[in-house]
N, C-alpha and C. Protein backbone atom coordinates (compact mmCIF):
# COMPACT_ATOMS: atom_id res chain seq x y z
N MET A 1 27.47 9.62 -19.93
CA MET A 1 26.30 8.85 -19.55
C MET A 1 26.47 8.42 -18.09
N SER A 2 25.41 8.54 -17.33
CA SER A 2 25.47 8.13 -15.93
C SER A 2 25.30 6.61 -15.83
N VAL A 3 25.65 6.08 -14.67
CA VAL A 3 25.48 4.65 -14.43
C VAL A 3 23.98 4.31 -14.51
N HIS A 4 23.15 5.16 -13.93
CA HIS A 4 21.70 4.94 -13.95
C HIS A 4 21.19 4.87 -15.39
N GLU A 5 21.63 5.80 -16.24
CA GLU A 5 21.22 5.80 -17.64
C GLU A 5 21.71 4.54 -18.35
N ALA A 6 22.91 4.10 -18.04
CA ALA A 6 23.46 2.89 -18.66
C ALA A 6 22.66 1.66 -18.26
N VAL A 7 22.28 1.58 -16.99
CA VAL A 7 21.47 0.44 -16.53
C VAL A 7 20.10 0.49 -17.20
N LEU A 8 19.49 1.66 -17.29
CA LEU A 8 18.21 1.79 -17.99
C LEU A 8 18.34 1.32 -19.44
N HIS A 9 19.41 1.70 -20.08
CA HIS A 9 19.66 1.29 -21.47
C HIS A 9 19.75 -0.23 -21.56
N ASP A 10 20.47 -0.86 -20.64
CA ASP A 10 20.61 -2.31 -20.64
C ASP A 10 19.26 -3.00 -20.37
N LEU A 11 18.47 -2.42 -19.50
CA LEU A 11 17.18 -3.01 -19.15
C LEU A 11 16.18 -2.93 -20.31
N GLU A 12 16.34 -1.93 -21.18
CA GLU A 12 15.41 -1.77 -22.30
C GLU A 12 15.34 -3.00 -23.19
N SER A 13 16.42 -3.74 -23.28
CA SER A 13 16.45 -4.91 -24.18
C SER A 13 15.85 -6.16 -23.53
N LEU A 14 15.48 -6.07 -22.27
CA LEU A 14 14.95 -7.23 -21.55
C LEU A 14 13.42 -7.25 -21.60
N PRO A 15 12.83 -8.42 -21.45
CA PRO A 15 11.36 -8.49 -21.42
C PRO A 15 10.80 -7.66 -20.26
N GLN A 16 9.57 -7.19 -20.45
CA GLN A 16 8.92 -6.34 -19.45
C GLN A 16 8.88 -7.00 -18.08
N SER A 17 8.64 -8.29 -18.04
CA SER A 17 8.56 -8.98 -16.75
C SER A 17 9.87 -8.91 -15.98
N VAL A 18 10.99 -8.91 -16.69
CA VAL A 18 12.30 -8.79 -16.04
C VAL A 18 12.54 -7.35 -15.64
N ARG A 19 12.16 -6.41 -16.51
CA ARG A 19 12.36 -4.97 -16.19
C ARG A 19 11.54 -4.55 -14.98
N ASP A 20 10.40 -5.20 -14.76
CA ASP A 20 9.53 -4.84 -13.64
C ASP A 20 9.87 -5.58 -12.34
N SER A 21 10.91 -6.38 -12.37
CA SER A 21 11.24 -7.19 -11.19
C SER A 21 11.91 -6.35 -10.10
N ALA A 22 11.85 -6.88 -8.89
CA ALA A 22 12.51 -6.22 -7.76
C ALA A 22 14.01 -6.13 -7.99
N LEU A 23 14.56 -7.13 -8.65
CA LEU A 23 16.00 -7.12 -8.94
C LEU A 23 16.36 -5.95 -9.84
N ALA A 24 15.52 -5.66 -10.82
CA ALA A 24 15.78 -4.52 -11.71
C ALA A 24 15.68 -3.21 -10.95
N VAL A 25 14.69 -3.11 -10.09
CA VAL A 25 14.53 -1.89 -9.28
C VAL A 25 15.74 -1.71 -8.36
N ALA A 26 16.22 -2.80 -7.79
CA ALA A 26 17.40 -2.73 -6.92
C ALA A 26 18.63 -2.31 -7.72
N ALA A 27 18.76 -2.82 -8.94
CA ALA A 27 19.90 -2.44 -9.79
C ALA A 27 19.86 -0.94 -10.08
N LEU A 28 18.67 -0.43 -10.37
CA LEU A 28 18.54 1.00 -10.63
C LEU A 28 18.88 1.83 -9.39
N SER A 29 18.50 1.33 -8.23
CA SER A 29 18.81 2.02 -6.99
C SER A 29 20.32 2.05 -6.73
N LEU A 30 20.97 0.91 -6.97
CA LEU A 30 22.43 0.87 -6.81
C LEU A 30 23.11 1.82 -7.78
N ALA A 31 22.62 1.85 -9.02
CA ALA A 31 23.20 2.74 -10.03
C ALA A 31 23.04 4.20 -9.63
N ALA A 32 21.86 4.55 -9.15
CA ALA A 32 21.62 5.93 -8.72
C ALA A 32 22.53 6.28 -7.56
N GLY A 33 22.73 5.35 -6.66
CA GLY A 33 23.63 5.59 -5.54
C GLY A 33 25.05 5.84 -5.98
N LEU A 34 25.51 5.09 -6.97
CA LEU A 34 26.86 5.32 -7.50
C LEU A 34 26.95 6.71 -8.13
N ASP A 35 25.92 7.08 -8.89
CA ASP A 35 25.92 8.39 -9.54
C ASP A 35 25.89 9.52 -8.52
N ASN A 36 25.17 9.31 -7.43
CA ASN A 36 25.03 10.36 -6.41
C ASN A 36 26.18 10.39 -5.42
N GLY A 37 27.08 9.43 -5.54
CA GLY A 37 28.28 9.43 -4.71
C GLY A 37 28.07 9.03 -3.27
N TYR A 38 27.05 8.24 -2.98
CA TYR A 38 26.85 7.85 -1.58
C TYR A 38 27.90 6.87 -1.10
N ALA A 39 28.63 6.26 -2.03
CA ALA A 39 29.71 5.35 -1.64
C ALA A 39 31.02 5.89 -2.21
N LYS A 40 32.06 5.78 -1.45
CA LYS A 40 33.37 6.26 -1.87
C LYS A 40 34.39 5.14 -1.75
N GLY A 41 35.42 5.18 -2.58
CA GLY A 41 36.53 4.24 -2.48
C GLY A 41 36.10 2.79 -2.57
N SER A 42 36.51 2.02 -1.57
CA SER A 42 36.22 0.59 -1.60
C SER A 42 34.72 0.31 -1.47
N GLU A 43 33.99 1.21 -0.82
CA GLU A 43 32.54 1.05 -0.74
C GLU A 43 31.93 1.17 -2.14
N ALA A 44 32.40 2.11 -2.93
CA ALA A 44 31.91 2.27 -4.30
C ALA A 44 32.22 1.03 -5.13
N ALA A 45 33.39 0.47 -4.92
CA ALA A 45 33.75 -0.76 -5.64
C ALA A 45 32.82 -1.90 -5.24
N ALA A 46 32.48 -1.98 -3.97
CA ALA A 46 31.57 -3.03 -3.50
C ALA A 46 30.18 -2.84 -4.09
N VAL A 47 29.71 -1.60 -4.15
CA VAL A 47 28.40 -1.31 -4.74
C VAL A 47 28.42 -1.64 -6.23
N ALA A 48 29.51 -1.29 -6.91
CA ALA A 48 29.63 -1.60 -8.34
C ALA A 48 29.62 -3.12 -8.57
N ARG A 49 30.29 -3.87 -7.70
CA ARG A 49 30.27 -5.34 -7.82
C ARG A 49 28.86 -5.88 -7.61
N GLU A 50 28.17 -5.32 -6.63
CA GLU A 50 26.80 -5.76 -6.36
C GLU A 50 25.90 -5.43 -7.55
N LEU A 51 26.08 -4.27 -8.15
CA LEU A 51 25.32 -3.90 -9.33
C LEU A 51 25.60 -4.87 -10.47
N ARG A 52 26.87 -5.22 -10.64
CA ARG A 52 27.24 -6.19 -11.67
C ARG A 52 26.54 -7.52 -11.41
N ASN A 53 26.55 -7.97 -10.17
CA ASN A 53 25.88 -9.23 -9.82
C ASN A 53 24.38 -9.17 -10.12
N HIS A 54 23.77 -8.04 -9.81
CA HIS A 54 22.34 -7.87 -10.11
C HIS A 54 22.10 -7.97 -11.61
N MET A 55 22.95 -7.33 -12.40
CA MET A 55 22.76 -7.35 -13.86
C MET A 55 22.97 -8.77 -14.41
N VAL A 56 23.92 -9.50 -13.88
CA VAL A 56 24.13 -10.88 -14.31
C VAL A 56 22.90 -11.71 -13.97
N ASP A 57 22.37 -11.53 -12.77
CA ASP A 57 21.16 -12.27 -12.36
C ASP A 57 19.97 -11.91 -13.25
N LEU A 58 19.84 -10.63 -13.57
CA LEU A 58 18.73 -10.21 -14.44
C LEU A 58 18.84 -10.88 -15.80
N LEU A 59 20.03 -10.89 -16.36
CA LEU A 59 20.22 -11.51 -17.67
C LEU A 59 19.97 -13.00 -17.63
N SER A 60 20.27 -13.63 -16.52
CA SER A 60 20.04 -15.07 -16.42
C SER A 60 18.55 -15.39 -16.28
N ASN A 61 17.74 -14.40 -15.94
CA ASN A 61 16.29 -14.60 -15.82
C ASN A 61 15.55 -14.41 -17.13
N VAL A 62 16.29 -14.05 -18.19
CA VAL A 62 15.66 -13.83 -19.49
C VAL A 62 15.48 -15.17 -20.19
N PRO A 63 14.26 -15.49 -20.59
CA PRO A 63 14.07 -16.74 -21.32
C PRO A 63 14.80 -16.68 -22.66
N SER A 64 15.46 -17.76 -23.00
CA SER A 64 16.19 -17.78 -24.27
C SER A 64 15.21 -18.04 -25.41
N GLN A 65 15.62 -17.67 -26.62
CA GLN A 65 14.78 -17.93 -27.78
C GLN A 65 14.60 -19.43 -27.98
N GLU A 66 15.62 -20.21 -27.63
CA GLU A 66 15.50 -21.66 -27.74
C GLU A 66 14.37 -22.17 -26.86
N ASP A 67 14.23 -21.61 -25.66
CA ASP A 67 13.14 -22.00 -24.78
C ASP A 67 11.79 -21.69 -25.43
N GLU A 68 11.68 -20.52 -26.03
CA GLU A 68 10.43 -20.12 -26.68
C GLU A 68 10.14 -21.01 -27.87
N VAL A 69 11.15 -21.29 -28.68
CA VAL A 69 10.96 -22.15 -29.85
C VAL A 69 10.61 -23.56 -29.38
N GLY A 70 11.29 -24.04 -28.38
CA GLY A 70 10.98 -25.36 -27.84
C GLY A 70 9.55 -25.46 -27.35
N GLN A 71 9.07 -24.41 -26.72
CA GLN A 71 7.68 -24.40 -26.25
C GLN A 71 6.71 -24.42 -27.41
N ILE A 72 7.01 -23.68 -28.47
CA ILE A 72 6.16 -23.68 -29.66
C ILE A 72 6.10 -25.08 -30.26
N VAL A 73 7.27 -25.73 -30.35
CA VAL A 73 7.32 -27.08 -30.91
C VAL A 73 6.50 -28.04 -30.04
N LYS A 74 6.62 -27.94 -28.73
CA LYS A 74 5.85 -28.81 -27.83
C LYS A 74 4.35 -28.57 -27.97
N ASN A 75 3.96 -27.29 -28.05
CA ASN A 75 2.54 -26.96 -28.20
C ASN A 75 1.99 -27.52 -29.51
N ARG A 76 2.77 -27.40 -30.58
CA ARG A 76 2.33 -27.90 -31.88
C ARG A 76 2.19 -29.43 -31.83
N ALA A 77 3.17 -30.09 -31.24
CA ALA A 77 3.11 -31.55 -31.14
C ALA A 77 1.88 -31.98 -30.33
N ALA A 78 1.57 -31.26 -29.28
CA ALA A 78 0.40 -31.59 -28.46
C ALA A 78 -0.88 -31.40 -29.25
N ARG A 79 -0.96 -30.32 -30.02
CA ARG A 79 -2.14 -30.09 -30.86
C ARG A 79 -2.30 -31.19 -31.90
N LEU A 80 -1.18 -31.54 -32.55
CA LEU A 80 -1.24 -32.60 -33.56
C LEU A 80 -1.67 -33.92 -32.94
N ALA A 81 -1.14 -34.22 -31.77
CA ALA A 81 -1.50 -35.48 -31.10
C ALA A 81 -2.97 -35.49 -30.71
N ALA A 82 -3.48 -34.35 -30.28
CA ALA A 82 -4.89 -34.26 -29.88
C ALA A 82 -5.82 -34.38 -31.08
N ASN A 83 -5.35 -33.93 -32.24
CA ASN A 83 -6.20 -33.97 -33.44
C ASN A 83 -6.02 -35.20 -34.30
N SER A 84 -5.04 -36.03 -34.00
CA SER A 84 -4.81 -37.22 -34.83
C SER A 84 -5.79 -38.32 -34.44
N PRO A 85 -6.24 -39.09 -35.45
CA PRO A 85 -7.15 -40.18 -35.14
C PRO A 85 -6.45 -41.29 -34.37
N SER A 86 -7.16 -41.91 -33.48
CA SER A 86 -6.60 -43.03 -32.71
C SER A 86 -6.48 -44.23 -33.59
N THR A 87 -5.42 -44.98 -33.43
CA THR A 87 -5.24 -46.19 -34.23
C THR A 87 -5.31 -47.42 -33.38
């Protein structure tokens, strides 16, 4: 499996908004560069580190399920409050 294919595989599990980000496109570009051998030796290691940093940043941009559940709870509470009679 190529680095580019591996990055694509990792991106598949992320929300579309994250996959469509500039950071994702940059990660794919770095991966393609590694596969095509444009960097050698220590340069390749630097590109690989940068790719790793991009992937960490991408994963940190993914909303957690707790965030989604918390938002649902807040929305429900707001609806209940709006529909409850004033006392």
